[in-house]
PDB file of all heavy atoms in Angstrom:
ATOM      1  N   SER A   1       6.946 -10.995 -12.582  1.00  0.00           N
ATOM      2  CA  SER A   1       5.990 -12.148 -12.636  1.00  0.00           C
ATOM      3  C   SER A   1       5.155 -12.104 -13.786  1.00  0.00           C
ATOM      4  O   SER A   1       4.721 -11.008 -14.254  1.00  0.00           O
ATOM      5  CB  SER A   1       5.241 -12.183 -11.257  1.00  0.00           C
ATOM      6  OG  SER A   1       6.040 -12.270 -10.172  1.00  0.00           O
ATOM      7  N   THR A   2       4.587 -13.271 -14.264  1.00  0.00           N
ATOM      8  CA  THR A   2       3.659 -13.361 -15.275  1.00  0.00           C
ATOM      9  C   THR A   2       2.231 -13.312 -14.595  1.00  0.00           C
ATOM     10  O   THR A   2       2.103 -13.503 -13.392  1.00  0.00           O
ATOM     11  CB  THR A   2       3.726 -14.614 -16.135  1.00  0.00           C
ATOM     12  OG1 THR A   2       3.727 -15.770 -15.190  1.00  0.00           O
ATOM     13  CG2 THR A   2       5.030 -14.612 -16.873  1.00  0.00           C
ATOM     14  N   TYR A   3       1.236 -13.010 -15.418  1.00  0.00           N
ATOM     15  CA  TYR A   3      -0.092 -12.901 -14.858  1.00  0.00           C
ATOM     16  C   TYR A   3      -0.641 -14.231 -14.385  1.00  0.00           C
ATOM     17  O   TYR A   3      -0.521 -15.302 -15.054  1.00  0.00           O
ATOM     18  CB  TYR A   3      -1.092 -12.325 -15.945  1.00  0.00           C
ATOM     19  CG  TYR A   3      -2.520 -12.300 -15.630  1.00  0.00           C
ATOM     20  CD1 TYR A   3      -2.946 -11.371 -14.661  1.00  0.00           C
ATOM     21  CD2 TYR A   3      -3.481 -13.203 -16.176  1.00  0.00           C
ATOM     22  CE1 TYR A   3      -4.331 -11.284 -14.261  1.00  0.00           C
ATOM     23  CE2 TYR A   3      -4.788 -13.130 -15.812  1.00  0.00           C
ATOM     24  CZ  TYR A   3      -5.206 -12.147 -14.777  1.00  0.00           C
ATOM     25  OH  TYR A   3      -6.547 -12.150 -14.537  1.00  0.00           O
ATOM     26  N   MET A   4      -1.443 -14.173 -13.217  1.00  0.00           N
ATOM     27  CA  MET A   4      -2.152 -15.372 -12.738  1.00  0.00           C
ATOM     28  C   MET A   4      -3.635 -14.984 -12.651  1.00  0.00           C
ATOM     29  O   MET A   4      -3.957 -13.972 -12.010  1.00  0.00           O
ATOM     30  CB  MET A   4      -1.568 -15.709 -11.358  1.00  0.00           C
ATOM     31  CG  MET A   4      -2.224 -17.006 -10.797  1.00  0.00           C
ATOM     32  SD  MET A   4      -1.597 -17.329  -9.039  1.00  0.00           S
ATOM     33  CE  MET A   4       0.168 -17.583  -9.411  1.00  0.00           C
ATOM     34  N   ASP A   5      -4.517 -15.854 -13.163  1.00  0.00           N
ATOM     35  CA  ASP A   5      -5.896 -15.430 -13.105  1.00  0.00           C
ATOM     36  C   ASP A   5      -6.353 -15.581 -11.728  1.00  0.00           C
ATOM     37  O   ASP A   5      -5.889 -16.324 -10.940  1.00  0.00           O
ATOM     38  CB  ASP A   5      -6.684 -16.425 -14.084  1.00  0.00           C
ATOM     39  CG  ASP A   5      -6.755 -17.850 -13.663  1.00  0.00           C
ATOM     40  OD1 ASP A   5      -7.628 -18.195 -12.782  1.00  0.00           O
ATOM     41  OD2 ASP A   5      -5.818 -18.616 -14.049  1.00  0.00           O
ATOM     42  N   PRO A   6      -7.558 -14.969 -11.363  1.00  0.00           N
ATOM     43  CA  PRO A   6      -8.033 -14.906  -9.953  1.00  0.00           C
ATOM     44  C   PRO A   6      -8.393 -16.289  -9.366  1.00  0.00           C
ATOM     45  O   PRO A   6      -8.091 -16.552  -8.221  1.00  0.00           O
ATOM     46  CB  PRO A   6      -9.230 -13.963  -9.978  1.00  0.00           C
ATOM     47  CG  PRO A   6      -9.625 -13.913 -11.428  1.00  0.00           C
ATOM     48  CD  PRO A   6      -8.398 -14.117 -12.229  1.00  0.00           C
ATOM     49  N   ASP A   7      -9.024 -17.154 -10.125  1.00  0.00           N
ATOM     50  CA  ASP A   7      -9.395 -18.473  -9.688  1.00  0.00           C
ATOM     51  C   ASP A   7      -8.135 -19.318  -9.334  1.00  0.00           C
ATOM     52  O   ASP A   7      -8.092 -20.024  -8.284  1.00  0.00           O
ATOM     53  CB  ASP A   7     -10.313 -19.199 -10.611  1.00  0.00           C
ATOM     54  CG  ASP A   7     -11.650 -18.485 -10.678  1.00  0.00           C
ATOM     55  OD1 ASP A   7     -12.089 -17.853  -9.744  1.00  0.00           O
ATOM     56  OD2 ASP A   7     -12.231 -18.484 -11.806  1.00  0.00           O
ATOM     57  N   THR A   8      -7.121 -19.254 -10.154  1.00  0.00           N
ATOM     58  CA  THR A   8      -5.892 -19.922  -9.922  1.00  0.00           C
ATOM     59  C   THR A   8      -5.208 -19.357  -8.729  1.00  0.00           C
ATOM     60  O   THR A   8      -4.713 -20.095  -7.773  1.00  0.00           O
ATOM     61  CB  THR A   8      -4.944 -19.873 -11.121  1.00  0.00           C
ATOM     62  OG1 THR A   8      -5.610 -20.414 -12.210  1.00  0.00           O
ATOM     63  CG2 THR A   8      -3.634 -20.630 -10.841  1.00  0.00           C
ATOM     64  N   TRP A   9      -5.231 -18.035  -8.585  1.00  0.00           N
ATOM     65  CA  TRP A   9      -4.618 -17.363  -7.418  1.00  0.00           C
ATOM     66  C   TRP A   9      -5.332 -17.866  -6.113  1.00  0.00           C
ATOM     67  O   TRP A   9      -4.653 -18.197  -5.132  1.00  0.00           O
ATOM     68  CB  TRP A   9      -4.861 -15.844  -7.544  1.00  0.00           C
ATOM     69  CG  TRP A   9      -4.198 -15.073  -6.434  1.00  0.00           C
ATOM     70  CD1 TRP A   9      -2.888 -14.499  -6.367  1.00  0.00           C
ATOM     71  CD2 TRP A   9      -4.720 -14.774  -5.113  1.00  0.00           C
ATOM     72  NE1 TRP A   9      -2.616 -13.902  -5.176  1.00  0.00           N
ATOM     73  CE2 TRP A   9      -3.783 -14.081  -4.402  1.00  0.00           C
ATOM     74  CE3 TRP A   9      -6.017 -14.996  -4.539  1.00  0.00           C
ATOM     75  CZ2 TRP A   9      -4.055 -13.626  -3.150  1.00  0.00           C
ATOM     76  CZ3 TRP A   9      -6.249 -14.609  -3.260  1.00  0.00           C
ATOM     77  CH2 TRP A   9      -5.328 -13.870  -2.531  1.00  0.00           C
ATOM     78  N   PHE A  10      -6.664 -17.998  -6.202  1.00  0.00           N
ATOM     79  CA  PHE A  10      -7.418 -18.409  -5.018  1.00  0.00           C
ATOM     80  C   PHE A  10      -7.008 -19.829  -4.629  1.00  0.00           C
ATOM     81  O   PHE A  10      -6.805 -20.065  -3.378  1.00  0.00           O
ATOM     82  CB  PHE A  10      -8.952 -18.336  -5.375  1.00  0.00           C
ATOM     83  CG  PHE A  10      -9.823 -18.684  -4.118  1.00  0.00           C
ATOM     84  CD1 PHE A  10     -10.211 -17.640  -3.316  1.00  0.00           C
ATOM     85  CD2 PHE A  10     -10.240 -19.953  -3.949  1.00  0.00           C
ATOM     86  CE1 PHE A  10     -11.081 -17.888  -2.244  1.00  0.00           C
ATOM     87  CE2 PHE A  10     -11.018 -20.246  -2.863  1.00  0.00           C
ATOM     88  CZ  PHE A  10     -11.473 -19.202  -2.032  1.00  0.00           C
ATOM     89  N   GLU A  11      -6.864 -20.679  -5.577  1.00  0.00           N
ATOM     90  CA  GLU A  11      -6.529 -22.103  -5.259  1.00  0.00           C
ATOM     91  C   GLU A  11      -5.107 -22.245  -4.669  1.00  0.00           C
ATOM     92  O   GLU A  11      -4.862 -23.101  -3.905  1.00  0.00           O
ATOM     93  CB  GLU A  11      -6.617 -22.994  -6.536  1.00  0.00           C
ATOM     94  CG  GLU A  11      -8.057 -23.049  -7.039  1.00  0.00           C
ATOM     95  CD  GLU A  11      -8.070 -23.790  -8.441  1.00  0.00           C
ATOM     96  OE1 GLU A  11      -6.991 -24.129  -9.010  1.00  0.00           O
ATOM     97  OE2 GLU A  11      -9.204 -24.015  -8.950  1.00  0.00           O
ATOM     98  N   ARG A  12      -4.158 -21.351  -5.132  1.00  0.00           N
ATOM     99  CA  ARG A  12      -2.762 -21.572  -4.751  1.00  0.00           C
ATOM    100  C   ARG A  12      -2.369 -20.706  -3.433  1.00  0.00           C
ATOM    101  O   ARG A  12      -1.341 -20.829  -2.936  1.00  0.00           O
ATOM    102  CB  ARG A  12      -1.840 -21.015  -5.897  1.00  0.00           C
ATOM    103  CG  ARG A  12      -1.970 -21.851  -7.108  1.00  0.00           C
ATOM    104  CD  ARG A  12      -0.931 -21.432  -8.174  1.00  0.00           C
ATOM    105  NE  ARG A  12      -1.094 -22.267  -9.413  1.00  0.00           N
ATOM    106  CZ  ARG A  12      -0.372 -22.037 -10.457  1.00  0.00           C
ATOM    107  NH1 ARG A  12       0.507 -21.137 -10.489  1.00  0.00           N
ATOM    108  NH2 ARG A  12      -0.526 -22.843 -11.539  1.00  0.00           N
ATOM    109  N   HIS A  13      -3.367 -20.011  -2.922  1.00  0.00           N
ATOM    110  CA  HIS A  13      -3.072 -19.263  -1.684  1.00  0.00           C
ATOM    111  C   HIS A  13      -4.024 -19.651  -0.642  1.00  0.00           C
ATOM    112  O   HIS A  13      -5.178 -19.182  -0.571  1.00  0.00           O
ATOM    113  CB  HIS A  13      -3.118 -17.729  -1.960  1.00  0.00           C
ATOM    114  CG  HIS A  13      -2.035 -17.277  -2.935  1.00  0.00           C
ATOM    115  ND1 HIS A  13      -2.269 -17.301  -4.262  1.00  0.00           N
ATOM    116  CD2 HIS A  13      -0.852 -16.820  -2.709  1.00  0.00           C
ATOM    117  CE1 HIS A  13      -1.193 -16.853  -4.860  1.00  0.00           C
ATOM    118  NE2 HIS A  13      -0.319 -16.544  -3.942  1.00  0.00           N
ATOM    119  N   PRO A  14      -3.600 -20.490   0.311  1.00  0.00           N
ATOM    120  CA  PRO A  14      -4.495 -21.001   1.268  1.00  0.00           C
ATOM    121  C   PRO A  14      -4.895 -19.829   2.297  1.00  0.00           C
ATOM    122  O   PRO A  14      -4.229 -18.877   2.542  1.00  0.00           O
ATOM    123  CB  PRO A  14      -3.734 -22.076   2.029  1.00  0.00           C
ATOM    124  CG  PRO A  14      -2.337 -21.756   1.784  1.00  0.00           C
ATOM    125  CD  PRO A  14      -2.268 -21.061   0.445  1.00  0.00           C
ATOM    126  N   ALA A  15      -6.024 -20.065   2.999  1.00  0.00           N
ATOM    127  CA  ALA A  15      -6.568 -19.116   3.954  1.00  0.00           C
ATOM    128  C   ALA A  15      -5.768 -19.185   5.218  1.00  0.00           C
ATOM    129  O   ALA A  15      -5.357 -20.170   5.707  1.00  0.00           O
ATOM    130  CB  ALA A  15      -8.041 -19.392   4.260  1.00  0.00           C
ATOM    131  N   LYS A  16      -5.467 -17.911   5.775  1.00  0.00           N
ATOM    132  CA  LYS A  16      -4.840 -17.802   7.086  1.00  0.00           C
ATOM    133  C   LYS A  16      -5.952 -17.226   8.037  1.00  0.00           C
ATOM    134  O   LYS A  16      -6.610 -16.385   7.695  1.00  0.00           O
ATOM    135  CB  LYS A  16      -3.672 -16.814   6.916  1.00  0.00           C
ATOM    136  CG  LYS A  16      -2.585 -17.377   6.037  1.00  0.00           C
ATOM    137  CD  LYS A  16      -1.347 -16.305   6.117  1.00  0.00           C
ATOM    138  CE  LYS A  16      -0.259 -16.774   5.182  1.00  0.00           C
ATOM    139  NZ  LYS A  16       0.921 -15.849   5.340  1.00  0.00           N
ATOM    140  N   GLU A  17      -5.873 -17.719   9.265  1.00  0.00           N
ATOM    141  CA  GLU A  17      -6.796 -17.249  10.264  1.00  0.00           C
ATOM    142  C   GLU A  17      -6.365 -15.933  10.791  1.00  0.00           C
ATOM    143  O   GLU A  17      -5.119 -15.663  10.896  1.00  0.00           O
ATOM    144  CB  GLU A  17      -6.913 -18.272  11.413  1.00  0.00           C
ATOM    145  CG  GLU A  17      -7.517 -19.604  11.050  1.00  0.00           C
ATOM    146  CD  GLU A  17      -8.905 -19.445  10.405  1.00  0.00           C
ATOM    147  OE1 GLU A  17      -9.652 -18.713  11.030  1.00  0.00           O
ATOM    148  OE2 GLU A  17      -9.133 -20.065   9.406  1.00  0.00           O
ATOM    149  N   GLY A  18      -7.286 -15.027  11.078  1.00  0.00           N
ATOM    150  CA  GLY A  18      -7.005 -13.812  11.693  1.00  0.00           C
ATOM    151  C   GLY A  18      -7.190 -12.578  10.877  1.00  0.00           C
ATOM    152  O   GLY A  18      -7.833 -12.707   9.687  1.00  0.00           O
ATOM    153  N   SER A  19      -6.597 -11.428  11.245  1.00  0.00           N
ATOM    154  CA  SER A  19      -6.839 -10.207  10.549  1.00  0.00           C
ATOM    155  C   SER A  19      -5.689  -9.863   9.567  1.00  0.00           C
ATOM    156  O   SER A  19      -4.507 -10.232   9.892  1.00  0.00           O
ATOM    157  CB  SER A  19      -6.870  -9.070  11.663  1.00  0.00           C
ATOM    158  OG  SER A  19      -6.731  -7.806  11.039  1.00  0.00           O
ATOM    159  N   TRP A  20      -6.053  -9.219   8.506  1.00  0.00           N
ATOM    160  CA  TRP A  20      -4.966  -8.799   7.533  1.00  0.00           C
ATOM    161  C   TRP A  20      -4.332  -7.456   7.935  1.00  0.00           C
ATOM    162  O   TRP A  20      -3.242  -7.154   7.310  1.00  0.00           O
ATOM    163  CB  TRP A  20      -5.622  -8.607   6.147  1.00  0.00           C
ATOM    164  CG  TRP A  20      -6.722  -7.610   6.057  1.00  0.00           C
ATOM    165  CD1 TRP A  20      -7.983  -7.759   6.131  1.00  0.00           C
ATOM    166  CD2 TRP A  20      -6.568  -6.138   5.782  1.00  0.00           C
ATOM    167  NE1 TRP A  20      -8.742  -6.555   6.020  1.00  0.00           N
ATOM    168  CE2 TRP A  20      -7.820  -5.599   5.786  1.00  0.00           C
ATOM    169  CE3 TRP A  20      -5.432  -5.374   5.511  1.00  0.00           C
ATOM    170  CZ2 TRP A  20      -8.065  -4.250   5.592  1.00  0.00           C
ATOM    171  CZ3 TRP A  20      -5.648  -3.939   5.370  1.00  0.00           C
ATOM    172  CH2 TRP A  20      -6.995  -3.489   5.337  1.00  0.00           C
ATOM    173  N   TRP A  21      -4.813  -6.806   8.946  1.00  0.00           N
ATOM    174  CA  TRP A  21      -4.237  -5.533   9.341  1.00  0.00           C
ATOM    175  C   TRP A  21      -2.780  -5.607   9.665  1.00  0.00           C
ATOM    176  O   TRP A  21      -1.983  -4.838   9.214  1.00  0.00           O
ATOM    177  CB  TRP A  21      -4.964  -4.969  10.544  1.00  0.00           C
ATOM    178  CG  TRP A  21      -6.434  -4.440  10.184  1.00  0.00           C
ATOM    179  CD1 TRP A  21      -7.042  -4.574   8.973  1.00  0.00           C
ATOM    180  CD2 TRP A  21      -7.182  -3.558  11.040  1.00  0.00           C
ATOM    181  NE1 TRP A  21      -8.294  -3.988   9.087  1.00  0.00           N
ATOM    182  CE2 TRP A  21      -8.341  -3.353  10.226  1.00  0.00           C
ATOM    183  CE3 TRP A  21      -6.985  -3.104  12.301  1.00  0.00           C
ATOM    184  CZ2 TRP A  21      -9.396  -2.522  10.857  1.00  0.00           C
ATOM    185  CZ3 TRP A  21      -8.075  -2.284  12.869  1.00  0.00           C
ATOM    186  CH2 TRP A  21      -9.221  -2.072  12.108  1.00  0.00           C
ATOM    187  N   PRO A  22      -2.330  -6.681  10.464  1.00  0.00           N
ATOM    188  CA  PRO A  22      -0.845  -6.762  10.794  1.00  0.00           C
ATOM    189  C   PRO A  22      -0.018  -7.043   9.556  1.00  0.00           C
ATOM    190  O   PRO A  22       1.084  -6.513   9.459  1.00  0.00           O
ATOM    191  CB  PRO A  22      -0.719  -7.918  11.681  1.00  0.00           C
ATOM    192  CG  PRO A  22      -2.145  -7.972  12.433  1.00  0.00           C
ATOM    193  CD  PRO A  22      -3.180  -7.626  11.292  1.00  0.00           C
ATOM    194  N   GLU A  23      -0.549  -7.722   8.569  1.00  0.00           N
ATOM    195  CA  GLU A  23       0.166  -7.933   7.401  1.00  0.00           C
ATOM    196  C   GLU A  23       0.435  -6.528   6.596  1.00  0.00           C
ATOM    197  O   GLU A  23       1.556  -6.260   6.108  1.00  0.00           O
ATOM    198  CB  GLU A  23      -0.647  -8.884   6.394  1.00  0.00           C
ATOM    199  CG  GLU A  23      -0.745 -10.302   6.869  1.00  0.00           C
ATOM    200  CD  GLU A  23       0.425 -11.200   6.469  1.00  0.00           C
ATOM    201  OE1 GLU A  23       1.477 -10.635   5.956  1.00  0.00           O
ATOM    202  OE2 GLU A  23       0.302 -12.390   6.673  1.00  0.00           O
ATOM    203  N   TRP A  24      -0.619  -5.757   6.572  1.00  0.00           N
ATOM    204  CA  TRP A  24      -0.510  -4.431   5.911  1.00  0.00           C
ATOM    205  C   TRP A  24       0.446  -3.571   6.683  1.00  0.00           C
ATOM    206  O   TRP A  24       1.339  -2.888   6.125  1.00  0.00           O
ATOM    207  CB  TRP A  24      -1.875  -3.743   5.780  1.00  0.00           C
ATOM    208  CG  TRP A  24      -1.910  -2.521   5.067  1.00  0.00           C
ATOM    209  CD1 TRP A  24      -1.050  -2.213   3.929  1.00  0.00           C
ATOM    210  CD2 TRP A  24      -2.626  -1.302   5.319  1.00  0.00           C
ATOM    211  NE1 TRP A  24      -1.340  -0.901   3.543  1.00  0.00           N
ATOM    212  CE2 TRP A  24      -2.255  -0.343   4.356  1.00  0.00           C
ATOM    213  CE3 TRP A  24      -3.517  -0.940   6.303  1.00  0.00           C
ATOM    214  CZ2 TRP A  24      -2.810   0.979   4.301  1.00  0.00           C
ATOM    215  CZ3 TRP A  24      -4.094   0.230   6.284  1.00  0.00           C
ATOM    216  CH2 TRP A  24      -3.759   1.248   5.292  1.00  0.00           C
ATOM    217  N   SER A  25       0.331  -3.530   8.040  1.00  0.00           N
ATOM    218  CA  SER A  25       1.268  -2.748   8.810  1.00  0.00           C
ATOM    219  C   SER A  25       2.746  -3.115   8.569  1.00  0.00           C
ATOM    220  O   SER A  25       3.589  -2.228   8.376  1.00  0.00           O
ATOM    221  CB  SER A  25       0.902  -2.861  10.320  1.00  0.00           C
ATOM    222  OG  SER A  25       1.755  -2.156  11.117  1.00  0.00           O
ATOM    223  N   ALA A  26       2.943  -4.371   8.576  1.00  0.00           N
ATOM    224  CA  ALA A  26       4.338  -4.953   8.345  1.00  0.00           C
ATOM    225  C   ALA A  26       4.802  -4.524   6.968  1.00  0.00           C
ATOM    226  O   ALA A  26       6.004  -4.185   6.763  1.00  0.00           O
ATOM    227  CB  ALA A  26       4.353  -6.433   8.539  1.00  0.00           C
ATOM    228  N   TRP A  27       3.867  -4.554   5.981  1.00  0.00           N
ATOM    229  CA  TRP A  27       4.258  -4.258   4.614  1.00  0.00           C
ATOM    230  C   TRP A  27       4.595  -2.781   4.520  1.00  0.00           C
ATOM    231  O   TRP A  27       5.640  -2.368   3.891  1.00  0.00           O
ATOM    232  CB  TRP A  27       3.088  -4.648   3.709  1.00  0.00           C
ATOM    233  CG  TRP A  27       3.348  -4.363   2.296  1.00  0.00           C
ATOM    234  CD1 TRP A  27       3.958  -5.267   1.304  1.00  0.00           C
ATOM    235  CD2 TRP A  27       2.942  -3.186   1.550  1.00  0.00           C
ATOM    236  NE1 TRP A  27       4.004  -4.634  -0.003  1.00  0.00           N
ATOM    237  CE2 TRP A  27       3.417  -3.422   0.083  1.00  0.00           C
ATOM    238  CE3 TRP A  27       2.372  -1.998   1.869  1.00  0.00           C
ATOM    239  CZ2 TRP A  27       3.169  -2.456  -0.896  1.00  0.00           C
ATOM    240  CZ3 TRP A  27       2.182  -1.079   0.816  1.00  0.00           C
ATOM    241  CH2 TRP A  27       2.546  -1.280  -0.492  1.00  0.00           C
ATOM    242  N   LEU A  28       3.838  -1.879   5.220  1.00  0.00           N
ATOM    243  CA  LEU A  28       4.073  -0.502   5.180  1.00  0.00           C
ATOM    244  C   LEU A  28       5.410  -0.212   5.898  1.00  0.00           C
ATOM    245  O   LEU A  28       6.210   0.686   5.392  1.00  0.00           O
ATOM    246  CB  LEU A  28       2.923   0.286   5.915  1.00  0.00           C
ATOM    247  CG  LEU A  28       1.605   0.362   5.190  1.00  0.00           C
ATOM    248  CD1 LEU A  28       0.592   0.914   6.148  1.00  0.00           C
ATOM    249  CD2 LEU A  28       1.750   1.254   3.875  1.00  0.00           C
ATOM    250  N   ALA A  29       5.702  -0.888   7.007  1.00  0.00           N
ATOM    251  CA  ALA A  29       6.954  -0.724   7.714  1.00  0.00           C
ATOM    252  C   ALA A  29       8.077  -1.045   6.819  1.00  0.00           C
ATOM    253  O   ALA A  29       9.143  -0.443   6.789  1.00  0.00           O
ATOM    254  CB  ALA A  29       6.927  -1.520   8.978  1.00  0.00           C
ATOM    255  N   GLU A  30       7.974  -2.141   6.017  1.00  0.00           N
ATOM    256  CA  GLU A  30       9.005  -2.602   5.141  1.00  0.00           C
ATOM    257  C   GLU A  30       9.325  -1.581   3.981  1.00  0.00           C
ATOM    258  O   GLU A  30      10.422  -1.451   3.600  1.00  0.00           O
ATOM    259  CB  GLU A  30       8.597  -3.968   4.502  1.00  0.00           C
ATOM    260  CG  GLU A  30       9.592  -4.541   3.547  1.00  0.00           C
ATOM    261  CD  GLU A  30       9.121  -5.766   2.817  1.00  0.00           C
ATOM    262  OE1 GLU A  30       8.183  -6.449   3.332  1.00  0.00           O
ATOM    263  OE2 GLU A  30       9.492  -5.999   1.679  1.00  0.00           O
ATOM    264  N   LYS A  31       8.236  -0.985   3.543  1.00  0.00           N
ATOM    265  CA  LYS A  31       8.365   0.068   2.511  1.00  0.00           C
ATOM    266  C   LYS A  31       8.768   1.527   3.076  1.00  0.00           C
ATOM    267  O   LYS A  31       8.928   2.412   2.322  1.00  0.00           O
ATOM    268  CB  LYS A  31       7.068   0.174   1.701  1.00  0.00           C
ATOM    269  CG  LYS A  31       6.573  -1.170   1.157  1.00  0.00           C
ATOM    270  CD  LYS A  31       7.606  -1.781   0.256  1.00  0.00           C
ATOM    271  CE  LYS A  31       7.101  -3.119  -0.310  1.00  0.00           C
ATOM    272  NZ  LYS A  31       8.151  -3.863  -1.019  1.00  0.00           N
ATOM    273  N   SER A  32       8.949   1.555   4.381  1.00  0.00           N
ATOM    274  CA  SER A  32       9.311   2.855   4.985  1.00  0.00           C
ATOM    275  C   SER A  32      10.767   2.829   5.305  1.00  0.00           C
ATOM    276  O   SER A  32      11.493   1.840   5.242  1.00  0.00           O
ATOM    277  CB  SER A  32       8.509   2.986   6.286  1.00  0.00           C
ATOM    278  OG  SER A  32       7.112   3.001   6.096  1.00  0.00           O
ATOM    279  N   GLY A  33      11.220   4.036   5.658  1.00  0.00           N
ATOM    280  CA  GLY A  33      12.620   4.276   6.080  1.00  0.00           C
ATOM    281  C   GLY A  33      12.978   3.411   7.363  1.00  0.00           C
ATOM    282  O   GLY A  33      12.038   3.188   8.163  1.00  0.00           O
ATOM    283  N   LYS A  34      14.184   2.970   7.435  1.00  0.00           N
ATOM    284  CA  LYS A  34      14.500   2.047   8.566  1.00  0.00           C
ATOM    285  C   LYS A  34      14.582   2.807   9.970  1.00  0.00           C
ATOM    286  O   LYS A  34      14.375   2.147  11.036  1.00  0.00           O
ATOM    287  CB  LYS A  34      15.870   1.450   8.309  1.00  0.00           C
ATOM    288  CG  LYS A  34      15.871   0.568   6.999  1.00  0.00           C
ATOM    289  CD  LYS A  34      14.756  -0.456   6.940  1.00  0.00           C
ATOM    290  CE  LYS A  34      14.730  -1.155   5.612  1.00  0.00           C
ATOM    291  NZ  LYS A  34      13.484  -2.066   5.517  1.00  0.00           N
ATOM    292  N   GLU A  35      14.923   4.026   9.923  1.00  0.00           N
ATOM    293  CA  GLU A  35      15.065   4.777  11.169  1.00  0.00           C
ATOM    294  C   GLU A  35      13.857   5.547  11.536  1.00  0.00           C
ATOM    295  O   GLU A  35      13.465   6.426  10.808  1.00  0.00           O
ATOM    296  CB  GLU A  35      16.299   5.806  11.039  1.00  0.00           C
ATOM    297  CG  GLU A  35      17.635   5.099  10.794  1.00  0.00           C
ATOM    298  CD  GLU A  35      18.104   4.194  11.966  1.00  0.00           C
ATOM    299  OE1 GLU A  35      17.769   4.581  13.137  1.00  0.00           O
ATOM    300  OE2 GLU A  35      18.738   3.208  11.737  1.00  0.00           O
ATOM    301  N   LYS A  36      13.323   5.222  12.787  1.00  0.00           N
ATOM    302  CA  LYS A  36      12.150   5.972  13.197  1.00  0.00           C
ATOM    303  C   LYS A  36      12.685   7.173  13.954  1.00  0.00           C
ATOM    304  O   LYS A  36      13.907   7.350  14.245  1.00  0.00           O
ATOM    305  CB  LYS A  36      11.380   5.163  14.283  1.00  0.00           C
ATOM    306  CG  LYS A  36      10.598   4.072  13.734  1.00  0.00           C
ATOM    307  CD  LYS A  36       9.788   3.386  14.723  1.00  0.00           C
ATOM    308  CE  LYS A  36       8.835   2.258  14.136  1.00  0.00           C
ATOM    309  NZ  LYS A  36       8.003   1.710  15.238  1.00  0.00           N
ATOM    310  N   GLY A  37      11.798   8.220  14.001  1.00  0.00           N
ATOM    311  CA  GLY A  37      12.171   9.474  14.605  1.00  0.00           C
ATOM    312  C   GLY A  37      11.015  10.083  15.447  1.00  0.00           C
ATOM    313  O   GLY A  37       9.961   9.545  15.449  1.00  0.00           O
ATOM    314  N   PRO A  38      11.261  11.227  16.038  1.00  0.00           N
ATOM    315  CA  PRO A  38      10.182  11.862  16.777  1.00  0.00           C
ATOM    316  C   PRO A  38       9.033  12.302  15.746  1.00  0.00           C
ATOM    317  O   PRO A  38       9.282  12.635  14.643  1.00  0.00           O
ATOM    318  CB  PRO A  38      10.851  13.155  17.297  1.00  0.00           C
ATOM    319  CG  PRO A  38      12.014  13.358  16.488  1.00  0.00           C
ATOM    320  CD  PRO A  38      12.473  12.033  16.021  1.00  0.00           C
ATOM    321  N   PRO A  39       7.819  12.259  16.213  1.00  0.00           N
ATOM    322  CA  PRO A  39       6.663  12.540  15.373  1.00  0.00           C
ATOM    323  C   PRO A  39       6.666  14.078  14.938  1.00  0.00           C
ATOM    324  O   PRO A  39       7.164  14.886  15.677  1.00  0.00           O
ATOM    325  CB  PRO A  39       5.459  12.263  16.094  1.00  0.00           C
ATOM    326  CG  PRO A  39       5.914  12.215  17.618  1.00  0.00           C
ATOM    327  CD  PRO A  39       7.376  11.851  17.541  1.00  0.00           C
ATOM    328  N   PRO A  40       6.169  14.389  13.735  1.00  0.00           N
ATOM    329  CA  PRO A  40       6.053  15.732  13.314  1.00  0.00           C
ATOM    330  C   PRO A  40       5.006  16.487  14.168  1.00  0.00           C
ATOM    331  O   PRO A  40       4.146  15.837  14.781  1.00  0.00           O
ATOM    332  CB  PRO A  40       5.652  15.648  11.821  1.00  0.00           C
ATOM    333  CG  PRO A  40       4.918  14.340  11.808  1.00  0.00           C
ATOM    334  CD  PRO A  40       5.683  13.474  12.757  1.00  0.00           C
ATOM    335  N   SER A  41       5.073  17.810  14.176  1.00  0.00           N
ATOM    336  CA  SER A  41       4.031  18.631  14.849  1.00  0.00           C
ATOM    337  C   SER A  41       2.681  18.483  14.134  1.00  0.00           C
ATOM    338  O   SER A  41       2.621  18.114  12.969  1.00  0.00           O
ATOM    339  CB  SER A  41       4.448  20.043  14.903  1.00  0.00           C
ATOM    340  OG  SER A  41       4.590  20.593  13.601  1.00  0.00           O
ATOM    341  N   LEU A  42       1.602  18.797  14.769  1.00  0.00           N
ATOM    342  CA  LEU A  42       0.310  18.865  14.199  1.00  0.00           C
ATOM    343  C   LEU A  42       0.238  20.070  13.342  1.00  0.00           C
ATOM    344  O   LEU A  42       0.159  21.257  13.953  1.00  0.00           O
ATOM    345  CB  LEU A  42      -0.806  18.720  15.250  1.00  0.00           C
ATOM    346  CG  LEU A  42      -0.909  17.474  15.945  1.00  0.00           C
ATOM    347  CD1 LEU A  42      -2.024  17.490  16.961  1.00  0.00           C
ATOM    348  CD2 LEU A  42      -1.150  16.300  14.980  1.00  0.00           C
TER     349      LEU A  42
END
């Protein structure tokens, strides 16, 4: 992608109601391995 200045970015991305936490969690899951497994020991 080419650079987009912050004000243009703001105008082109409408607000969504709610928390950004689920978006981040989903993004992290997407960047993680597909197979879950047992948790490691402490």
